């Protein structure tokens, strides 16, 4: 009798995304675990959206923050905020329900936006490292070399290149016709993994690592130059000393942001490459953990700024105390000690 009940329970535990042949199997979690995962995802989305929204508002509102570096930070925050608004809600449902219930059109759009915002983030971090390199290694020419106009050009490239790159793979059939032997069809009905084929796994690896190598090499040089400058700083005026300290502080903070980016994205990127070699054997639960660990990076940057930038904490205090409604607030010097 117990054997029959056990067999019946096992049959009931087998679920599918859709009641049709070829449907993807569905992992059914207990209600308590589902609620816990949804709450964790909702908390992550809230931190991502509100934290980056504050960065966007602070840089836009306070005139003292209208610098090339902060304009790049604003654009980076926009990418992270849009990821939290437009991508993470559907990703949360897919992760908990282990199925895609939103149709082919939204599947393709969701994949496009996901890839767009993630590639935009890494390009912006790369451009910010170039900005910090110019500020630390060539401080006399930096004000004329890296202007707001130059920052806007970087922003245009940071959004335009990922947009065109992702659209080429998702909305054209060039890859499907030319590299059909590398591609894998959707494994079952109810899946939304358009880009996870062998070709994408190999291509995604250098797309991720080349900008990272550029950032690492630049920050190594920045560290060496900043250390040498710190030994010479006592010969400079107090005002220039403060400016130099701010530049080094900004470089250090953005270096931390790059390091956290690498830690968050390395597991997913390496798994994508290895999985393409081993015929996609990563369990769905493990893949969800890797991708959400990568998503977590979008919530990290505002937290880094809170602990690293005094001007960020001052701006937060002014906003929370509602002093932003005073006429003098936009012109406050947030860098003043």
C-alpha atoms as a PDB file:
ATOM      1  CA  UNK A   1       0.000   0.000   0.000  1.00  0.00           C
ATOM      2  CA  UNK A   2       2.822   2.421   0.932  1.00  0.00           C
ATOM      3  CA  UNK A   3       4.614   1.598  -2.305  1.00  0.00           C
ATOM      4  CA  UNK A   4       1.499   2.507  -4.299  1.00  0.00           C
ATOM      5  CA  UNK A   5       1.155   5.801  -2.411  1.00  0.00           C
ATOM      6  CA  UNK A   6       4.824   6.607  -3.003  1.00  0.00           C
ATOM      7  CA  UNK A   7       4.481   5.901  -6.712  1.00  0.00           C
ATOM      8  CA  UNK A   8       1.376   8.061  -6.896  1.00  0.00           C
ATOM      9  CA  UNK A   9       3.152  10.912  -5.104  1.00  0.00           C
ATOM     10  CA  UNK A  10       6.068  10.689  -7.539  1.00  0.00           C
ATOM     11  CA  UNK A  11       3.684  10.829 -10.507  1.00  0.00           C
ATOM     12  CA  UNK A  12       1.944  13.872  -9.060  1.00  0.00           C
ATOM     13  CA  UNK A  13       5.297  15.585  -8.451  1.00  0.00           C
ATOM     14  CA  UNK A  14       6.141  15.453 -12.163  1.00  0.00           C
ATOM     15  CA  UNK A  15       4.860  18.691 -13.673  1.00  0.00           C
ATOM     16  CA  UNK A  16       5.223  20.378 -17.044  1.00  0.00           C
ATOM     17  CA  UNK A  17       5.032  23.986 -18.194  1.00  0.00           C
ATOM     18  CA  UNK A  18       2.261  23.279 -20.715  1.00  0.00           C
ATOM     19  CA  UNK A  19      -0.123  20.340 -21.189  1.00  0.00           C
ATOM     20  CA  UNK A  20       1.310  19.448 -24.608  1.00  0.00           C
ATOM     21  CA  UNK A  21       3.886  17.025 -25.948  1.00  0.00           C
ATOM     22  CA  UNK A  22       7.415  18.396 -25.828  1.00  0.00           C
ATOM     23  CA  UNK A  23       6.744  20.700 -22.895  1.00  0.00           C
ATOM     24  CA  UNK A  24       9.574  21.561 -20.525  1.00  0.00           C
ATOM     25  CA  UNK A  25       9.483  19.848 -17.129  1.00  0.00           C
ATOM     26  CA  UNK A  26       8.602  22.185 -14.313  1.00  0.00           C
ATOM     27  CA  UNK A  27      10.234  22.277 -10.893  1.00  0.00           C
ATOM     28  CA  UNK A  28       7.502  22.702  -8.296  1.00  0.00           C
ATOM     29  CA  UNK A  29       8.713  24.276  -5.059  1.00  0.00           C
ATOM     30  CA  UNK A  30       6.772  24.170  -1.784  1.00  0.00           C
ATOM     31  CA  UNK A  31       4.694  27.286  -1.185  1.00  0.00           C
ATOM     32  CA  UNK A  32       6.959  28.549   1.597  1.00  0.00           C
ATOM     33  CA  UNK A  33      10.055  28.324  -0.603  1.00  0.00           C
ATOM     34  CA  UNK A  34       8.235  30.049  -3.470  1.00  0.00           C
ATOM     35  CA  UNK A  35       7.214  32.945  -1.221  1.00  0.00           C
ATOM     36  CA  UNK A  36      10.762  33.224   0.166  1.00  0.00           C
ATOM     37  CA  UNK A  37      12.306  33.331  -3.332  1.00  0.00           C
ATOM     38  CA  UNK A  38       9.776  35.890  -4.555  1.00  0.00           C
ATOM     39  CA  UNK A  39      10.456  38.087  -1.498  1.00  0.00           C
ATOM     40  CA  UNK A  40      14.214  37.842  -2.053  1.00  0.00           C
ATOM     41  CA  UNK A  41      13.815  38.754  -5.735  1.00  0.00           C
ATOM     42  CA  UNK A  42      11.455  41.624  -4.894  1.00  0.00           C
ATOM     43  CA  UNK A  43      13.919  42.969  -2.326  1.00  0.00           C
ATOM     44  CA  UNK A  44      16.742  42.816  -4.856  1.00  0.00           C
ATOM     45  CA  UNK A  45      14.630  44.581  -7.475  1.00  0.00           C
ATOM     46  CA  UNK A  46      13.617  47.297  -5.007  1.00  0.00           C
ATOM     47  CA  UNK A  47      17.221  47.967  -3.968  1.00  0.00           C
ATOM     48  CA  UNK A  48      18.353  47.985  -7.600  1.00  0.00           C
ATOM     49  CA  UNK A  49      15.661  50.389  -8.799  1.00  0.00           C
ATOM     50  CA  UNK A  50      15.616  52.800  -5.843  1.00  0.00           C
ATOM     51  CA  UNK A  51      19.389  52.865  -5.382  1.00  0.00           C
ATOM     52  CA  UNK A  52      20.112  53.630  -9.007  1.00  0.00           C
ATOM     53  CA  UNK A  53      17.181  56.041  -9.231  1.00  0.00           C
ATOM     54  CA  UNK A  54      18.780  58.027  -6.436  1.00  0.00           C
ATOM     55  CA  UNK A  55      22.103  58.139  -8.331  1.00  0.00           C
ATOM     56  CA  UNK A  56      20.299  59.406 -11.437  1.00  0.00           C
ATOM     57  CA  UNK A  57      18.419  62.054  -9.466  1.00  0.00           C
ATOM     58  CA  UNK A  58      21.429  63.215  -7.437  1.00  0.00           C
ATOM     59  CA  UNK A  59      23.728  63.644 -10.430  1.00  0.00           C
ATOM     60  CA  UNK A  60      20.988  65.385 -12.424  1.00  0.00           C
ATOM     61  CA  UNK A  61      19.850  67.691  -9.611  1.00  0.00           C
ATOM     62  CA  UNK A  62      23.060  68.927  -7.968  1.00  0.00           C
ATOM     63  CA  UNK A  63      25.094  71.199 -10.224  1.00  0.00           C
ATOM     64  CA  UNK A  64      28.330  70.355  -8.414  1.00  0.00           C
ATOM     65  CA  UNK A  65      27.976  66.783  -9.698  1.00  0.00           C
ATOM     66  CA  UNK A  66      27.798  67.756 -13.371  1.00  0.00           C
ATOM     67  CA  UNK A  67      31.216  66.305 -14.227  1.00  0.00           C
ATOM     68  CA  UNK A  68      32.220  63.891 -17.007  1.00  0.00           C
ATOM     69  CA  UNK A  69      32.768  61.044 -14.546  1.00  0.00           C
ATOM     70  CA  UNK A  70      29.395  61.543 -12.885  1.00  0.00           C
ATOM     71  CA  UNK A  71      27.635  61.773 -16.248  1.00  0.00           C
ATOM     72  CA  UNK A  72      29.032  58.323 -17.016  1.00  0.00           C
ATOM     73  CA  UNK A  73      27.889  57.148 -13.570  1.00  0.00           C
ATOM     74  CA  UNK A  74      24.412  58.481 -14.319  1.00  0.00           C
ATOM     75  CA  UNK A  75      24.233  56.531 -17.566  1.00  0.00           C
ATOM     76  CA  UNK A  76      25.505  53.399 -15.812  1.00  0.00           C
ATOM     77  CA  UNK A  77      22.845  53.842 -13.136  1.00  0.00           C
ATOM     78  CA  UNK A  78      20.178  54.161 -15.845  1.00  0.00           C
ATOM     79  CA  UNK A  79      21.216  50.814 -17.330  1.00  0.00           C
ATOM     80  CA  UNK A  80      21.109  49.140 -13.914  1.00  0.00           C
ATOM     81  CA  UNK A  81      17.788  50.778 -13.033  1.00  0.00           C
ATOM     82  CA  UNK A  82      16.164  49.671 -16.309  1.00  0.00           C
ATOM     83  CA  UNK A  83      17.452  46.160 -15.681  1.00  0.00           C
ATOM     84  CA  UNK A  84      15.634  46.166 -12.341  1.00  0.00           C
ATOM     85  CA  UNK A  85      12.449  47.611 -13.844  1.00  0.00           C
ATOM     86  CA  UNK A  86      12.153  45.774 -17.159  1.00  0.00           C
ATOM     87  CA  UNK A  87      14.118  42.534 -16.845  1.00  0.00           C
ATOM     88  CA  UNK A  88      14.182  41.297 -13.261  1.00  0.00           C
ATOM     89  CA  UNK A  89      10.394  40.964 -12.727  1.00  0.00           C
ATOM     90  CA  UNK A  90      10.015  38.447 -15.575  1.00  0.00           C
ATOM     91  CA  UNK A  91      13.295  36.782 -14.619  1.00  0.00           C
ATOM     92  CA  UNK A  92      11.960  36.282 -11.098  1.00  0.00           C
ATOM     93  CA  UNK A  93       8.825  34.543 -12.378  1.00  0.00           C
ATOM     94  CA  UNK A  94      10.908  32.343 -14.688  1.00  0.00           C
ATOM     95  CA  UNK A  95      13.263  31.405 -11.863  1.00  0.00           C
ATOM     96  CA  UNK A  96      10.530  30.505  -9.364  1.00  0.00           C
ATOM     97  CA  UNK A  97       8.136  28.817 -11.787  1.00  0.00           C
ATOM     98  CA  UNK A  98      10.999  27.317 -13.888  1.00  0.00           C
ATOM     99  CA  UNK A  99       8.931  28.083 -17.008  1.00  0.00           C
ATOM    100  CA  UNK A 100       8.402  30.959 -19.431  1.00  0.00           C
ATOM    101  CA  UNK A 101       4.704  31.864 -19.638  1.00  0.00           C
ATOM    102  CA  UNK A 102       4.894  35.140 -21.573  1.00  0.00           C
ATOM    103  CA  UNK A 103       5.129  34.074 -25.214  1.00  0.00           C
ATOM    104  CA  UNK A 104       7.791  34.217 -27.901  1.00  0.00           C
ATOM    105  CA  UNK A 105       7.628  37.972 -28.479  1.00  0.00           C
ATOM    106  CA  UNK A 106       8.304  38.851 -24.840  1.00  0.00           C
ATOM    107  CA  UNK A 107      10.907  36.100 -24.646  1.00  0.00           C
ATOM    108  CA  UNK A 108      12.910  37.693 -27.440  1.00  0.00           C
ATOM    109  CA  UNK A 109      12.385  41.210 -26.075  1.00  0.00           C
ATOM    110  CA  UNK A 110      13.323  40.131 -22.548  1.00  0.00           C
ATOM    111  CA  UNK A 111      16.510  38.480 -23.809  1.00  0.00           C
ATOM    112  CA  UNK A 112      17.328  41.571 -25.864  1.00  0.00           C
ATOM    113  CA  UNK A 113      16.907  43.969 -22.932  1.00  0.00           C
ATOM    114  CA  UNK A 114      18.755  41.651 -20.553  1.00  0.00           C
ATOM    115  CA  UNK A 115      21.783  41.447 -22.851  1.00  0.00           C
ATOM    116  CA  UNK A 116      21.610  45.144 -23.752  1.00  0.00           C
ATOM    117  CA  UNK A 117      21.670  46.427 -20.181  1.00  0.00           C
ATOM    118  CA  UNK A 118      24.388  44.007 -19.062  1.00  0.00           C
ATOM    119  CA  UNK A 119      26.714  44.827 -21.975  1.00  0.00           C
ATOM    120  CA  UNK A 120      26.003  48.526 -21.498  1.00  0.00           C
ATOM    121  CA  UNK A 121      27.100  48.241 -17.865  1.00  0.00           C
ATOM    122  CA  UNK A 122      30.435  46.642 -18.656  1.00  0.00           C
ATOM    123  CA  UNK A 123      31.195  49.156 -21.429  1.00  0.00           C
ATOM    124  CA  UNK A 124      30.392  52.041 -19.091  1.00  0.00           C
ATOM    125  CA  UNK A 125      32.710  50.632 -16.434  1.00  0.00           C
ATOM    126  CA  UNK A 126      35.388  50.372 -19.100  1.00  0.00           C
ATOM    127  CA  UNK A 127      34.851  53.998 -20.151  1.00  0.00           C
ATOM    128  CA  UNK A 128      34.902  55.137 -16.515  1.00  0.00           C
ATOM    129  CA  UNK A 129      38.252  53.416 -16.045  1.00  0.00           C
ATOM    130  CA  UNK A 130      39.557  55.346 -19.086  1.00  0.00           C
ATOM    131  CA  UNK A 131      38.266  58.548 -17.506  1.00  0.00           C
ATOM    132  CA  UNK A 132      39.995  57.773 -14.189  1.00  0.00           C
ATOM    133  CA  UNK A 133      43.202  56.891 -16.038  1.00  0.00           C
ATOM    134  CA  UNK A 134      43.221  60.285 -17.734  1.00  0.00           C
ATOM    135  CA  UNK A 135      42.426  62.100 -14.470  1.00  0.00           C
ATOM    136  CA  UNK A 136      45.182  60.421 -12.457  1.00  0.00           C
ATOM    137  CA  UNK A 137      47.905  59.897 -15.065  1.00  0.00           C
ATOM    138  CA  UNK A 138      47.486  63.158 -16.992  1.00  0.00           C
ATOM    139  CA  UNK A 139      45.858  65.601 -14.539  1.00  0.00           C
ATOM    140  CA  UNK A 140      46.948  68.816 -16.267  1.00  0.00           C
ATOM    141  CA  UNK A 141      45.385  67.916 -19.606  1.00  0.00           C
ATOM    142  CA  UNK A 142      42.404  66.026 -18.162  1.00  0.00           C
ATOM    143  CA  UNK A 143      39.984  69.019 -17.948  1.00  0.00           C
ATOM    144  CA  UNK A 144      40.454  69.749 -21.656  1.00  0.00           C
ATOM    145  CA  UNK A 145      40.801  66.144 -22.792  1.00  0.00           C
ATOM    146  CA  UNK A 146      37.797  64.559 -21.034  1.00  0.00           C
ATOM    147  CA  UNK A 147      34.882  66.998 -21.250  1.00  0.00           C
ATOM    148  CA  UNK A 148      31.131  66.521 -20.928  1.00  0.00           C
ATOM    149  CA  UNK A 149      30.943  66.284 -24.720  1.00  0.00           C
ATOM    150  CA  UNK A 150      33.497  63.458 -24.727  1.00  0.00           C
ATOM    151  CA  UNK A 151      31.567  61.687 -21.959  1.00  0.00           C
ATOM    152  CA  UNK A 152      28.379  61.928 -24.027  1.00  0.00           C
ATOM    153  CA  UNK A 153      30.177  60.317 -26.975  1.00  0.00           C
ATOM    154  CA  UNK A 154      31.232  57.456 -24.729  1.00  0.00           C
ATOM    155  CA  UNK A 155      27.649  57.118 -23.517  1.00  0.00           C
ATOM    156  CA  UNK A 156      26.377  56.983 -27.087  1.00  0.00           C
ATOM    157  CA  UNK A 157      28.858  54.217 -27.881  1.00  0.00           C
ATOM    158  CA  UNK A 158      28.082  52.458 -24.590  1.00  0.00           C
ATOM    159  CA  UNK A 159      24.413  52.152 -25.526  1.00  0.00           C
ATOM    160  CA  UNK A 160      24.630  52.006 -29.312  1.00  0.00           C
ATOM    161  CA  UNK A 161      27.175  49.192 -29.683  1.00  0.00           C
ATOM    162  CA  UNK A 162      25.339  46.746 -27.350  1.00  0.00           C
ATOM    163  CA  UNK A 163      22.005  47.638 -28.946  1.00  0.00           C
ATOM    164  CA  UNK A 164      23.266  46.879 -32.463  1.00  0.00           C
ATOM    165  CA  UNK A 165      25.281  43.839 -31.354  1.00  0.00           C
ATOM    166  CA  UNK A 166      22.347  42.184 -29.572  1.00  0.00           C
ATOM    167  CA  UNK A 167      19.838  43.050 -32.291  1.00  0.00           C
ATOM    168  CA  UNK A 168      22.094  41.414 -34.880  1.00  0.00           C
ATOM    169  CA  UNK A 169      21.929  38.067 -33.088  1.00  0.00           C
ATOM    170  CA  UNK A 170      18.298  38.199 -31.964  1.00  0.00           C
ATOM    171  CA  UNK A 171      16.468  39.874 -34.828  1.00  0.00           C
ATOM    172  CA  UNK A 172      18.345  38.649 -37.910  1.00  0.00           C
ATOM    173  CA  UNK A 173      18.774  35.155 -39.326  1.00  0.00           C
ATOM    174  CA  UNK A 174      22.410  35.653 -40.366  1.00  0.00           C
ATOM    175  CA  UNK A 175      23.738  33.542 -37.518  1.00  0.00           C
ATOM    176  CA  UNK A 176      21.126  30.823 -37.988  1.00  0.00           C
ATOM    177  CA  UNK A 177      21.906  30.493 -41.716  1.00  0.00           C
ATOM    178  CA  UNK A 178      25.679  30.743 -41.472  1.00  0.00           C
ATOM    179  CA  UNK A 179      26.376  28.849 -38.265  1.00  0.00           C
ATOM    180  CA  UNK A 180      23.573  26.310 -38.046  1.00  0.00           C
ATOM    181  CA  UNK A 181      25.932  23.516 -36.968  1.00  0.00           C
ATOM    182  CA  UNK A 182      26.830  25.497 -33.828  1.00  0.00           C
ATOM    183  CA  UNK A 183      23.289  26.271 -32.804  1.00  0.00           C
ATOM    184  CA  UNK A 184      20.940  24.317 -30.625  1.00  0.00           C
ATOM    185  CA  UNK A 185      17.166  24.416 -30.959  1.00  0.00           C
ATOM    186  CA  UNK A 186      15.017  25.244 -27.966  1.00  0.00           C
ATOM    187  CA  UNK A 187      15.099  22.103 -25.818  1.00  0.00           C
ATOM    188  CA  UNK A 188      11.373  22.140 -25.065  1.00  0.00           C
ATOM    189  CA  UNK A 189       8.214  24.254 -25.048  1.00  0.00           C
ATOM    190  CA  UNK A 190       8.259  26.711 -22.156  1.00  0.00           C
ATOM    191  CA  UNK A 191      11.927  27.642 -22.320  1.00  0.00           C
ATOM    192  CA  UNK A 192      13.339  31.085 -23.054  1.00  0.00           C
ATOM    193  CA  UNK A 193      17.029  30.572 -23.769  1.00  0.00           C
ATOM    194  CA  UNK A 194      17.473  32.014 -27.225  1.00  0.00           C
ATOM    195  CA  UNK A 195      21.157  32.887 -26.996  1.00  0.00           C
ATOM    196  CA  UNK A 196      22.531  29.951 -25.084  1.00  0.00           C
ATOM    197  CA  UNK A 197      24.049  27.966 -27.889  1.00  0.00           C
ATOM    198  CA  UNK A 198      27.619  26.906 -28.574  1.00  0.00           C
ATOM    199  CA  UNK A 199      28.452  29.898 -30.748  1.00  0.00           C
ATOM    200  CA  UNK A 200      27.092  32.391 -28.219  1.00  0.00           C
ATOM    201  CA  UNK A 201      29.022  30.726 -25.402  1.00  0.00           C
ATOM    202  CA  UNK A 202      32.323  31.148 -27.241  1.00  0.00           C
ATOM    203  CA  UNK A 203      31.532  34.660 -28.428  1.00  0.00           C
ATOM    204  CA  UNK A 204      30.310  35.843 -25.034  1.00  0.00           C
ATOM    205  CA  UNK A 205      33.618  34.968 -23.378  1.00  0.00           C
ATOM    206  CA  UNK A 206      35.864  37.531 -25.176  1.00  0.00           C
ATOM    207  CA  UNK A 207      33.044  40.105 -25.202  1.00  0.00           C
ATOM    208  CA  UNK A 208      33.124  39.948 -21.418  1.00  0.00           C
ATOM    209  CA  UNK A 209      36.842  39.521 -20.803  1.00  0.00           C
ATOM    210  CA  UNK A 210      38.381  42.004 -23.246  1.00  0.00           C
ATOM    211  CA  UNK A 211      36.824  45.056 -21.523  1.00  0.00           C
ATOM    212  CA  UNK A 212      37.702  43.497 -18.173  1.00  0.00           C
ATOM    213  CA  UNK A 213      41.345  43.116 -19.186  1.00  0.00           C
ATOM    214  CA  UNK A 214      41.379  46.752 -20.301  1.00  0.00           C
ATOM    215  CA  UNK A 215      39.923  47.849 -16.958  1.00  0.00           C
ATOM    216  CA  UNK A 216      42.351  45.758 -14.914  1.00  0.00           C
ATOM    217  CA  UNK A 217      45.402  47.008 -16.822  1.00  0.00           C
ATOM    218  CA  UNK A 218      44.260  50.633 -16.491  1.00  0.00           C
ATOM    219  CA  UNK A 219      43.597  50.334 -12.770  1.00  0.00           C
ATOM    220  CA  UNK A 220      47.006  48.733 -12.199  1.00  0.00           C
ATOM    221  CA  UNK A 221      48.604  51.746 -13.877  1.00  0.00           C
ATOM    222  CA  UNK A 222      46.329  54.106 -11.926  1.00  0.00           C
ATOM    223  CA  UNK A 223      47.391  52.476  -8.665  1.00  0.00           C
ATOM    224  CA  UNK A 224      51.084  52.843  -9.497  1.00  0.00           C
ATOM    225  CA  UNK A 225      50.737  56.494 -10.531  1.00  0.00           C
ATOM    226  CA  UNK A 226      48.479  57.374  -7.574  1.00  0.00           C
ATOM    227  CA  UNK A 227      50.986  55.867  -5.164  1.00  0.00           C
ATOM    228  CA  UNK A 228      53.782  57.946  -6.667  1.00  0.00           C
ATOM    229  CA  UNK A 229      51.626  61.071  -6.547  1.00  0.00           C
ATOM    230  CA  UNK A 230      50.816  60.487  -2.880  1.00  0.00           C
ATOM    231  CA  UNK A 231      54.520  60.702  -2.087  1.00  0.00           C
ATOM    232  CA  UNK A 232      54.804  64.043  -3.891  1.00  0.00           C
ATOM    233  CA  UNK A 233      51.528  65.565  -2.708  1.00  0.00           C
ATOM    234  CA  UNK A 234      53.022  67.415   0.260  1.00  0.00           C
ATOM    235  CA  UNK A 235      54.669  69.887  -2.129  1.00  0.00           C
ATOM    236  CA  UNK A 236      51.332  71.009  -3.570  1.00  0.00           C
ATOM    237  CA  UNK A 237      48.924  73.619  -2.337  1.00  0.00           C
ATOM    238  CA  UNK A 238      46.109  72.598  -0.009  1.00  0.00           C
ATOM    239  CA  UNK A 239      43.464  73.142  -2.655  1.00  0.00           C
ATOM    240  CA  UNK A 240      45.238  71.037  -5.244  1.00  0.00           C
ATOM    241  CA  UNK A 241      45.888  68.433  -2.539  1.00  0.00           C
ATOM    242  CA  UNK A 242      42.160  68.140  -1.900  1.00  0.00           C
ATOM    243  CA  UNK A 243      41.412  67.833  -5.607  1.00  0.00           C
ATOM    244  CA  UNK A 244      44.058  65.174  -6.031  1.00  0.00           C
ATOM    245  CA  UNK A 245      42.697  63.228  -3.073  1.00  0.00           C
ATOM    246  CA  UNK A 246      39.229  63.315  -4.610  1.00  0.00           C
ATOM    247  CA  UNK A 247      40.554  61.970  -7.892  1.00  0.00           C
ATOM    248  CA  UNK A 248      42.368  59.116  -6.146  1.00  0.00           C
ATOM    249  CA  UNK A 249      39.304  58.386  -4.023  1.00  0.00           C
ATOM    250  CA  UNK A 250      37.132  58.231  -7.129  1.00  0.00           C
ATOM    251  CA  UNK A 251      39.605  55.910  -8.841  1.00  0.00           C
ATOM    252  CA  UNK A 252      39.717  53.630  -5.787  1.00  0.00           C
ATOM    253  CA  UNK A 253      35.923  53.516  -5.492  1.00  0.00           C
ATOM    254  CA  UNK A 254      35.410  52.743  -9.161  1.00  0.00           C
ATOM    255  CA  UNK A 255      38.158  50.132  -8.940  1.00  0.00           C
ATOM    256  CA  UNK A 256      36.125  48.439  -6.183  1.00  0.00           C
ATOM    257  CA  UNK A 257      33.054  48.600  -8.426  1.00  0.00           C
ATOM    258  CA  UNK A 258      34.978  46.893 -11.232  1.00  0.00           C
ATOM    259  CA  UNK A 259      36.213  44.205  -8.840  1.00  0.00           C
ATOM    260  CA  UNK A 260      32.687  43.456  -7.627  1.00  0.00           C
ATOM    261  CA  UNK A 261      31.506  43.379 -11.237  1.00  0.00           C
ATOM    262  CA  UNK A 262      34.088  40.698 -12.002  1.00  0.00           C
ATOM    263  CA  UNK A 263      33.120  38.644  -8.947  1.00  0.00           C
ATOM    264  CA  UNK A 264      29.423  38.820  -9.837  1.00  0.00           C
ATOM    265  CA  UNK A 265      29.775  38.009 -13.531  1.00  0.00           C
ATOM    266  CA  UNK A 266      32.640  35.514 -13.592  1.00  0.00           C
ATOM    267  CA  UNK A 267      30.578  32.466 -12.497  1.00  0.00           C
ATOM    268  CA  UNK A 268      27.892  33.074 -15.133  1.00  0.00           C
ATOM    269  CA  UNK A 269      30.352  33.835 -17.941  1.00  0.00           C
ATOM    270  CA  UNK A 270      32.542  30.810 -17.247  1.00  0.00           C
ATOM    271  CA  UNK A 271      29.497  28.557 -16.904  1.00  0.00           C
ATOM    272  CA  UNK A 272      28.163  29.782 -20.256  1.00  0.00           C
ATOM    273  CA  UNK A 273      31.440  28.868 -21.941  1.00  0.00           C
ATOM    274  CA  UNK A 274      31.893  25.500 -20.223  1.00  0.00           C
ATOM    275  CA  UNK A 275      28.227  24.599 -20.671  1.00  0.00           C
ATOM    276  CA  UNK A 276      28.506  25.090 -24.425  1.00  0.00           C
ATOM    277  CA  UNK A 277      31.364  22.556 -24.485  1.00  0.00           C
ATOM    278  CA  UNK A 278      29.520  19.973 -22.374  1.00  0.00           C
ATOM    279  CA  UNK A 279      26.206  20.098 -24.242  1.00  0.00           C
ATOM    280  CA  UNK A 280      24.407  22.308 -21.697  1.00  0.00           C
ATOM    281  CA  UNK A 281      24.475  20.131 -18.610  1.00  0.00           C
ATOM    282  CA  UNK A 282      24.136  22.894 -15.991  1.00  0.00           C
ATOM    283  CA  UNK A 283      21.064  22.203 -13.797  1.00  0.00           C
ATOM    284  CA  UNK A 284      18.388  24.917 -14.091  1.00  0.00           C
ATOM    285  CA  UNK A 285      18.661  25.748 -10.387  1.00  0.00           C
ATOM    286  CA  UNK A 286      22.433  26.297 -10.665  1.00  0.00           C
ATOM    287  CA  UNK A 287      21.977  28.438 -13.779  1.00  0.00           C
ATOM    288  CA  UNK A 288      19.399  30.597 -11.968  1.00  0.00           C
ATOM    289  CA  UNK A 289      21.828  31.087  -9.080  1.00  0.00           C
ATOM    290  CA  UNK A 290      24.578  32.189 -11.486  1.00  0.00           C
ATOM    291  CA  UNK A 291      22.362  34.626 -13.364  1.00  0.00           C
ATOM    292  CA  UNK A 292      20.904  36.185 -10.213  1.00  0.00           C
ATOM    293  CA  UNK A 293      24.379  36.531  -8.772  1.00  0.00           C
ATOM    294  CA  UNK A 294      25.210  38.493 -11.924  1.00  0.00           C
ATOM    295  CA  UNK A 295      22.027  40.563 -11.580  1.00  0.00           C
ATOM    296  CA  UNK A 296      23.056  41.370  -8.007  1.00  0.00           C
ATOM    297  CA  UNK A 297      25.857  43.533  -9.388  1.00  0.00           C
ATOM    298  CA  UNK A 298      23.314  46.119 -10.520  1.00  0.00           C
ATOM    299  CA  UNK A 299      22.317  46.704  -6.896  1.00  0.00           C
ATOM    300  CA  UNK A 300      25.909  46.956  -5.663  1.00  0.00           C
ATOM    301  CA  UNK A 301      27.082  50.244  -7.174  1.00  0.00           C
ATOM    302  CA  UNK A 302      24.771  52.567  -5.155  1.00  0.00           C
ATOM    303  CA  UNK A 303      25.758  50.687  -1.984  1.00  0.00           C
ATOM    304  CA  UNK A 304      29.448  51.174  -2.846  1.00  0.00           C
ATOM    305  CA  UNK A 305      28.873  54.900  -3.341  1.00  0.00           C
ATOM    306  CA  UNK A 306      27.147  55.245   0.061  1.00  0.00           C
ATOM    307  CA  UNK A 307      30.171  53.825   1.868  1.00  0.00           C
ATOM    308  CA  UNK A 308      32.808  55.498  -0.321  1.00  0.00           C
ATOM    309  CA  UNK A 309      31.604  58.945  -1.432  1.00  0.00           C
ATOM    310  CA  UNK A 310      31.039  61.683   1.120  1.00  0.00           C
ATOM    311  CA  UNK A 311      29.200  63.727  -1.506  1.00  0.00           C
ATOM    312  CA  UNK A 312      26.839  60.817  -2.074  1.00  0.00           C
ATOM    313  CA  UNK A 313      25.958  60.629   1.620  1.00  0.00           C
ATOM    314  CA  UNK A 314      25.451  64.411   1.756  1.00  0.00           C
ATOM    315  CA  UNK A 315      23.146  64.276  -1.264  1.00  0.00           C
ATOM    316  CA  UNK A 316      21.191  61.421   0.314  1.00  0.00           C
ATOM    317  CA  UNK A 317      20.802  63.389   3.537  1.00  0.00           C
ATOM    318  CA  UNK A 318      19.553  66.463   1.656  1.00  0.00           C
ATOM    319  CA  UNK A 319      17.015  64.416  -0.265  1.00  0.00           C
ATOM    320  CA  UNK A 320      15.717  62.500   2.759  1.00  0.00           C
ATOM    321  CA  UNK A 321      15.471  65.703   4.829  1.00  0.00           C
ATOM    322  CA  UNK A 322      13.474  67.325   1.989  1.00  0.00           C
ATOM    323  CA  UNK A 323      15.943  70.189   1.723  1.00  0.00           C
ATOM    324  CA  UNK A 324      15.926  69.674  -2.036  1.00  0.00           C
ATOM    325  CA  UNK A 325      12.828  71.877  -2.148  1.00  0.00           C
ATOM    326  CA  UNK A 326      14.907  74.888  -1.100  1.00  0.00           C
ATOM    327  CA  UNK A 327      16.071  77.165  -3.924  1.00  0.00           C
ATOM    328  CA  UNK A 328      19.716  77.119  -2.788  1.00  0.00           C
ATOM    329  CA  UNK A 329      20.015  73.322  -2.634  1.00  0.00           C
ATOM    330  CA  UNK A 330      20.900  72.587  -6.309  1.00  0.00           C
ATOM    331  CA  UNK A 331      23.981  74.837  -6.063  1.00  0.00           C
ATOM    332  CA  UNK A 332      25.337  73.390  -2.795  1.00  0.00           C
ATOM    333  CA  UNK A 333      28.966  72.316  -3.036  1.00  0.00           C
ATOM    334  CA  UNK A 334      28.759  68.676  -2.030  1.00  0.00           C
ATOM    335  CA  UNK A 335      32.554  68.344  -2.143  1.00  0.00           C
ATOM    336  CA  UNK A 336      33.097  70.974   0.558  1.00  0.00           C
ATOM    337  CA  UNK A 337      34.441  69.489   3.769  1.00  0.00           C
END
